Amino acid sequence: MQTVINTVKGTALGIAEGLMPVLKESKFQETGVLTPEEFIAAGDHLVHHCPSWKWAAGDESRAKSYLPKDKQFLITKRVPCYKRCKQMEYDIEQEKVLEPDDEEGGWVDTHHFESAADQKVVDMSMDNIQGESGPEARTSAQEDDDDGEEEAVDMDEFEERGGLLDETDDAVVDISKLKLDKDDGADRGGEIVPTRTYDLHITYDKYYQTPRLWLFGYDENRKILSVEQMYEDVSQDHAKKTVTVENHPHLHGVLAASVHPCRHAEVMKKIIQTVTDGGKELGVFMYLIIFLKFVQAVIPTIEYDYTQNFAM
């Protein structure tokens, strides 16, 4: 039912966007929205400081006249997503209060009842490294010290003898005799972790006058994820509500998951107010850097480039 509602809303907003005039005057400080020119300026700043992001043109037939032809939207590709959001969810059943009689009330171990299979703890006892620090290791070290007392080798004579490249040296590996197995990693107890990846797009939403984030998910074999699979990588507080599936504004016939922009301006206005209250001023060019930081709450396991520091 929610999908049907989102589809109807998307269609209605698409019509409304066509009738909405393009914002000409800046209202960034007052309301947290952007003009197309400000979106371009913020995009150029993002591309400069986070080189994994690039400008894209999209389909020429769907180009927006109020944006440059070669700067219709921003894109970053193959962003890793190592785990599902459910793996990060808090589970009260795993809690246990330790030392409850403590005068300060004890403390809570949030993963006390987590299964042993999920706990990867390495025993770092001295017994495990005895082979490295025991008598044999000391003997080896003494032999190395003894070698250091030998007379130094004349380097000219050493090079004339061929230096380190002795044709009969058993330590030299003949790589032509090695057999490489491309599937070797599959049999090593899961050392290679299957990783989803995402292509992310940032477009300018003319109706809401803010950026809008789009998600294209792929599995470890680069096969497109279904909508339900992509929802696994979205915070459950936002799946099917804040994140909806709609037509991409710059690619013909392409449906994609999108973080709905209805509250972006509101959040940005609060951030601007906080910065102003602290005696600072927030430049509009920083918009997309901040945008990517607060959108991270919706897609916490997708590790895109939002690395530039920002302090309020």
Protein backbone atom coordinates (compact mmCIF):
# COMPACT_ATOMS: atom_id res chain seq x y z
CA MET A 1 0.00 0.00 0.00
CA GLN A 2 2.82 2.40 0.89
CA THR A 3 4.39 1.77 -2.53
CA VAL A 4 1.13 2.77 -4.29
CA ILE A 5 0.91 5.94 -2.19
CA ASN A 6 4.52 6.83 -3.00
CA THR A 7 3.88 6.27 -6.73
CA VAL A 8 0.85 8.58 -6.70
CA LYS A 9 2.76 11.22 -4.77
CA GLY A 10 5.69 10.99 -7.16
CA THR A 11 3.45 11.48 -10.19
CA ALA A 12 1.69 14.46 -8.61
CA LEU A 13 4.96 16.09 -7.60
CA GLY A 14 6.35 15.54 -11.09
CA ILE A 15 3.46 17.53 -12.54
CA ALA A 16 3.84 20.22 -9.87
CA GLU A 17 7.56 20.50 -10.53
CA GLY A 18 6.87 21.24 -14.18
CA LEU A 19 4.67 24.16 -13.16
CA MET A 20 7.01 25.42 -10.45
CA PRO A 21 9.13 28.44 -11.52
CA VAL A 22 12.90 28.14 -11.17
CA LEU A 23 14.21 29.76 -7.97
CA LYS A 24 16.26 32.81 -8.95
CA GLU A 25 17.05 34.59 -5.70
CA SER A 26 19.01 32.95 -2.89
CA LYS A 27 17.00 31.92 0.17
CA PHE A 28 19.67 29.66 1.61
CA GLN A 29 20.17 31.49 4.90
CA GLU A 30 16.44 32.07 5.47
CA THR A 31 14.93 28.72 4.47
CA GLY A 32 17.75 26.26 3.65
CA VAL A 33 16.88 25.92 -0.05
CA LEU A 34 19.11 26.30 -3.11
CA THR A 35 18.95 28.00 -6.48
CA PRO A 36 20.26 25.92 -9.43
CA GLU A 37 23.36 28.18 -9.49
CA GLU A 38 23.99 27.47 -5.81
CA PHE A 39 23.56 23.74 -6.44
CA ILE A 40 26.27 23.94 -9.12
CA ALA A 41 28.59 25.87 -6.80
CA ALA A 42 28.07 23.32 -4.00
CA GLY A 43 28.59 20.47 -6.49
CA ASP A 44 31.87 21.94 -7.73
CA HIS A 45 33.04 22.22 -4.12
CA LEU A 46 32.12 18.56 -3.46
CA VAL A 47 33.93 17.35 -6.59
CA HIS A 48 37.02 19.36 -5.68
CA HIS A 49 37.27 18.08 -2.10
CA CYS A 50 35.90 14.54 -2.62
CA PRO A 51 37.33 13.37 -6.00
CA SER A 52 35.25 10.17 -6.02
CA TRP A 53 32.30 12.39 -7.00
CA LYS A 54 31.93 13.50 -10.64
CA TRP A 55 29.50 15.56 -12.69
CA ALA A 56 27.32 13.69 -15.23
CA ALA A 57 25.13 14.77 -18.14
CA GLY A 58 22.50 12.00 -18.22
CA ASP A 59 20.17 11.53 -21.18
CA GLU A 60 20.09 14.57 -23.44
CA SER A 61 16.31 14.25 -23.84
CA ARG A 62 15.86 14.68 -20.07
CA ALA A 63 18.33 17.52 -19.56
CA LYS A 64 17.08 20.43 -17.45
CA SER A 65 17.44 23.82 -19.12
CA TYR A 66 18.23 25.56 -15.81
CA LEU A 67 21.37 23.39 -15.34
CA PRO A 68 24.54 23.23 -17.51
CA LYS A 69 24.42 20.33 -20.01
CA ASP A 70 27.53 18.72 -18.56
CA LYS A 71 26.50 19.28 -14.92
CA GLN A 72 23.00 17.83 -14.64
CA PHE A 73 23.73 15.67 -11.59
CA LEU A 74 26.56 14.26 -9.46
CA ILE A 75 27.61 10.62 -9.35
CA THR A 76 29.94 8.35 -7.39
CA LYS A 77 30.32 4.65 -8.25
CA ARG A 78 31.09 1.35 -6.52
CA VAL A 79 30.61 2.63 -2.98
CA PRO A 80 31.07 -0.33 -0.58
CA CYS A 81 28.33 -1.55 1.75
CA TYR A 82 29.78 -4.26 3.99
CA LYS A 83 26.81 -5.10 6.20
CA ARG A 84 23.03 -4.83 6.43
CA CYS A 85 21.35 -2.27 8.68
CA LYS A 86 19.78 -5.09 10.71
CA GLN A 87 23.27 -6.12 11.83
CA MET A 88 23.66 -2.71 13.48
CA GLU A 89 20.30 -2.69 15.23
CA TYR A 90 20.18 -2.61 19.01
CA ASP A 91 18.84 -5.78 20.63
CA ILE A 92 17.75 -5.48 24.27
CA GLU A 93 17.81 -9.29 24.64
CA GLN A 94 21.61 -9.23 24.37
CA GLU A 95 21.91 -6.88 27.34
CA LYS A 96 23.13 -7.84 30.80
CA VAL A 97 23.80 -5.55 33.77
CA LEU A 98 27.24 -6.35 35.18
CA GLU A 99 28.12 -5.70 38.82
CA PRO A 100 24.55 -4.57 39.71
CA ASP A 101 25.52 -4.07 43.37
CA ASP A 102 28.03 -1.40 42.44
CA GLU A 103 27.23 1.94 44.09
CA GLU A 104 26.98 3.58 40.67
CA GLY A 105 24.51 0.98 39.43
CA GLY A 106 26.93 -1.24 37.54
CA TRP A 107 27.32 -1.08 33.80
CA VAL A 108 25.59 -2.63 30.80
CA ASP A 109 27.22 -5.11 28.43
CA THR A 110 25.12 -4.52 25.28
CA HIS A 111 26.30 -7.73 23.53
CA HIS A 112 26.62 -10.07 26.51
CA PHE A 113 24.48 -12.86 24.98
CA GLU A 114 25.81 -12.52 21.47
CA SER A 115 26.61 -15.92 19.96
CA ALA A 116 30.21 -17.07 20.04
CA ALA A 117 30.18 -17.32 16.26
CA ASP A 118 29.68 -13.55 16.06
CA GLN A 119 32.50 -12.76 18.47
CA LYS A 120 35.89 -12.80 16.78
CA VAL A 121 38.25 -12.52 19.76
CA VAL A 122 41.92 -13.42 19.38
CA ASP A 123 43.71 -14.87 22.42
CA MET A 124 46.88 -12.82 22.83
CA SER A 125 48.34 -14.84 25.74
CA MET A 126 52.08 -15.31 26.05
CA ASP A 127 51.67 -19.01 25.27
CA ASN A 128 50.61 -18.15 21.73
CA ILE A 129 53.82 -16.27 21.05
CA GLN A 130 56.20 -18.59 22.92
CA GLY A 131 57.56 -19.85 19.61
CA GLU A 132 58.55 -16.32 18.71
CA SER A 133 60.11 -15.36 22.04
CA GLY A 134 61.37 -18.64 23.45
CA PRO A 135 64.86 -20.18 23.48
CA GLU A 136 64.84 -20.89 19.74
CA ALA A 137 64.17 -17.24 18.96
CA ARG A 138 66.96 -16.15 21.34
CA THR A 139 69.38 -18.61 19.75
CA SER A 140 68.55 -17.24 16.32
CA ALA A 141 69.12 -13.70 17.55
CA GLN A 142 72.52 -14.71 19.01
CA GLU A 143 73.52 -16.25 15.68
CA ASP A 144 72.59 -13.02 13.94
CA ASP A 145 74.78 -11.10 16.37
CA ASP A 146 77.66 -13.51 15.69
CA ASP A 147 77.27 -12.95 11.96
CA GLY A 148 77.66 -9.25 12.55
CA GLU A 149 81.23 -9.83 13.83
CA GLU A 150 82.43 -11.17 10.47
CA GLU A 151 84.67 -9.07 8.22
CA ALA A 152 82.75 -6.74 5.88
CA VAL A 153 82.47 -7.85 2.24
CA ASP A 154 84.12 -5.77 -0.50
CA MET A 155 81.11 -4.53 -2.54
CA ASP A 156 82.99 -4.35 -5.87
CA GLU A 157 84.00 -7.99 -5.51
CA PHE A 158 80.46 -8.85 -4.35
CA GLU A 159 78.91 -7.32 -7.52
CA GLU A 160 81.42 -9.07 -9.80
CA ARG A 161 80.27 -12.39 -8.33
CA GLY A 162 76.68 -11.54 -9.26
CA GLY A 163 75.54 -9.96 -5.99
CA LEU A 164 72.40 -11.54 -4.58
CA LEU A 165 71.32 -13.10 -7.87
CA ASP A 166 72.84 -16.56 -7.60
CA GLU A 167 71.43 -18.80 -10.35
CA THR A 168 71.44 -21.78 -7.97
CA ASP A 169 69.96 -19.93 -5.03
CA ASP A 170 67.08 -22.02 -3.64
CA ALA A 171 65.46 -18.88 -2.27
CA VAL A 172 64.73 -17.53 -5.75
CA VAL A 173 61.20 -18.46 -6.82
CA ASP A 174 60.49 -19.44 -10.41
CA ILE A 175 57.07 -17.86 -10.95
CA SER A 176 56.57 -19.78 -14.18
CA LYS A 177 56.14 -22.93 -12.08
CA LEU A 178 53.50 -21.46 -9.82
CA LYS A 179 49.86 -22.49 -10.31
CA LEU A 180 47.47 -19.70 -9.50
CA ASP A 181 43.88 -20.62 -8.67
CA LYS A 182 41.43 -17.75 -9.22
CA ASP A 183 38.98 -19.38 -6.81
CA ASP A 184 41.58 -19.87 -4.10
CA GLY A 185 39.97 -17.24 -1.84
CA ALA A 186 36.66 -19.09 -1.78
CA ASP A 187 38.06 -21.94 0.30
CA ARG A 188 39.71 -19.93 3.06
CA GLY A 189 36.91 -19.80 5.58
CA GLY A 190 35.36 -16.59 4.35
CA GLU A 191 38.46 -14.34 4.34
CA ILE A 192 37.02 -12.53 1.31
CA VAL A 193 33.81 -10.86 2.45
CA PRO A 194 31.05 -10.61 -0.20
CA THR A 195 30.43 -6.88 -0.51
CA ARG A 196 27.52 -5.00 -1.97
CA THR A 197 28.26 -1.78 -3.82
CA TYR A 198 26.18 1.26 -4.66
CA ASP A 199 26.22 3.94 -7.32
CA LEU A 200 24.94 7.19 -5.79
CA HIS A 201 23.49 10.16 -7.67
CA ILE A 202 22.72 13.65 -6.37
CA THR A 203 20.19 15.62 -8.41
CA TYR A 204 18.59 19.05 -7.99
CA ASP A 205 14.92 18.83 -7.07
CA LYS A 206 13.18 21.83 -8.60
CA TYR A 207 10.00 21.43 -6.53
CA TYR A 208 11.68 21.22 -3.12
CA GLN A 209 14.66 23.35 -4.27
CA THR A 210 17.13 21.01 -2.55
CA PRO A 211 19.52 18.19 -3.48
CA ARG A 212 18.11 14.67 -3.75
CA LEU A 213 20.04 11.41 -3.30
CA TRP A 214 19.41 8.34 -5.53
CA LEU A 215 20.64 4.76 -4.87
CA PHE A 216 21.54 1.98 -7.32
CA GLY A 217 22.55 -1.23 -5.50
CA TYR A 218 24.57 -4.21 -6.75
CA ASP A 219 25.53 -7.52 -5.17
CA GLU A 220 29.07 -8.93 -5.05
CA ASN A 221 28.65 -10.22 -8.63
CA ARG A 222 27.57 -6.76 -9.82
CA LYS A 223 23.98 -7.89 -10.32
CA ILE A 224 21.32 -5.25 -9.63
CA LEU A 225 19.69 -5.55 -6.21
CA SER A 226 15.94 -5.79 -5.92
CA VAL A 227 14.03 -3.03 -4.15
CA GLU A 228 13.54 -5.22 -1.07
CA GLN A 229 17.26 -6.01 -0.97
CA MET A 230 18.12 -2.31 -1.09
CA TYR A 231 15.73 -1.66 1.78
CA GLU A 232 18.00 -3.97 3.86
CA ASP A 233 20.64 -1.22 3.60
CA VAL A 234 18.27 1.52 4.72
CA SER A 235 17.54 2.40 8.34
CA GLN A 236 14.24 0.73 9.23
CA ASP A 237 12.94 4.05 10.52
CA HIS A 238 13.17 5.38 6.96
CA ALA A 239 12.58 2.37 4.65
CA LYS A 240 9.47 2.75 2.46
CA LYS A 241 8.79 6.15 4.06
CA THR A 242 11.72 8.51 3.62
CA VAL A 243 13.25 6.20 0.98
CA THR A 244 10.95 5.57 -1.98
CA VAL A 245 11.30 4.16 -5.50
CA GLU A 246 10.65 6.68 -8.29
CA ASN A 247 11.64 7.58 -11.85
CA HIS A 248 15.11 9.06 -12.18
CA PRO A 249 14.84 12.65 -13.46
CA HIS A 250 17.84 12.43 -15.82
CA LEU A 251 17.76 8.81 -17.04
CA HIS A 252 14.93 7.66 -19.28
CA GLY A 253 12.86 4.73 -17.98
CA VAL A 254 15.05 4.15 -14.92
CA LEU A 255 13.48 3.46 -11.52
CA ALA A 256 15.68 4.01 -8.50
CA ALA A 257 15.50 4.25 -4.72
CA SER A 258 15.61 7.84 -3.53
CA VAL A 259 15.87 9.64 -0.21
CA HIS A 260 12.82 11.89 -0.37
CA PRO A 261 13.78 15.58 -0.07
CA CYS A 262 10.66 16.86 1.73
CA ARG A 263 12.56 17.66 4.95
CA HIS A 264 16.03 18.49 3.60
CA ALA A 265 15.49 22.27 3.70
CA GLU A 266 14.10 22.05 7.25
CA VAL A 267 17.15 20.13 8.49
CA MET A 268 19.54 22.47 6.71
CA LYS A 269 17.81 25.54 8.18
CA LYS A 270 18.32 24.12 11.71
CA ILE A 271 22.01 23.51 10.96
CA ILE A 272 22.41 27.06 9.61
CA GLN A 273 20.77 28.43 12.78
CA THR A 274 23.07 26.36 15.01
CA VAL A 275 26.15 27.63 13.18
CA THR A 276 24.90 31.21 13.35
CA ASP A 277 24.21 30.92 17.08
CA GLY A 278 27.81 29.82 17.49
CA GLY A 279 29.02 33.08 15.96
CA LYS A 280 29.96 31.56 12.59
CA GLU A 281 28.56 31.75 9.07
CA LEU A 282 27.80 28.76 6.85
CA GLY A 283 28.68 29.22 3.18
CA VAL A 284 26.26 27.82 0.59
CA PHE A 285 29.16 25.99 -1.11
CA MET A 286 29.27 23.67 1.93
CA TYR A 287 25.67 22.49 1.34
CA LEU A 288 26.40 19.09 -0.24
CA ILE A 289 29.14 18.24 2.26
CA ILE A 290 26.65 18.77 5.09
CA PHE A 291 23.83 17.14 3.11
CA LEU A 292 25.81 13.90 2.78
CA LYS A 293 26.54 13.91 6.50
CA PHE A 294 22.92 14.13 7.65
CA VAL A 295 21.69 11.71 4.96
CA GLN A 296 24.11 9.15 6.41
CA ALA A 297 21.52 8.52 9.15
CA VAL A 298 19.23 7.03 6.49
CA ILE A 299 21.86 4.78 4.88
CA PRO A 300 24.42 4.21 7.68
CA THR A 301 26.18 1.19 6.13
CA ILE A 302 26.86 2.72 2.68
CA GLU A 303 30.37 4.15 3.00
CA TYR A 304 30.47 7.01 0.51
CA ASP A 305 32.99 9.84 0.52
CA TYR A 306 31.88 12.56 2.95
CA THR A 307 35.28 13.01 4.55
CA GLN A 308 35.72 16.79 4.61
CA ASN A 309 35.59 18.05 8.18
CA PHE A 310 32.72 20.24 9.29
CA ALA A 311 32.26 21.55 12.80
CA MET A 312 29.31 23.51 14.16
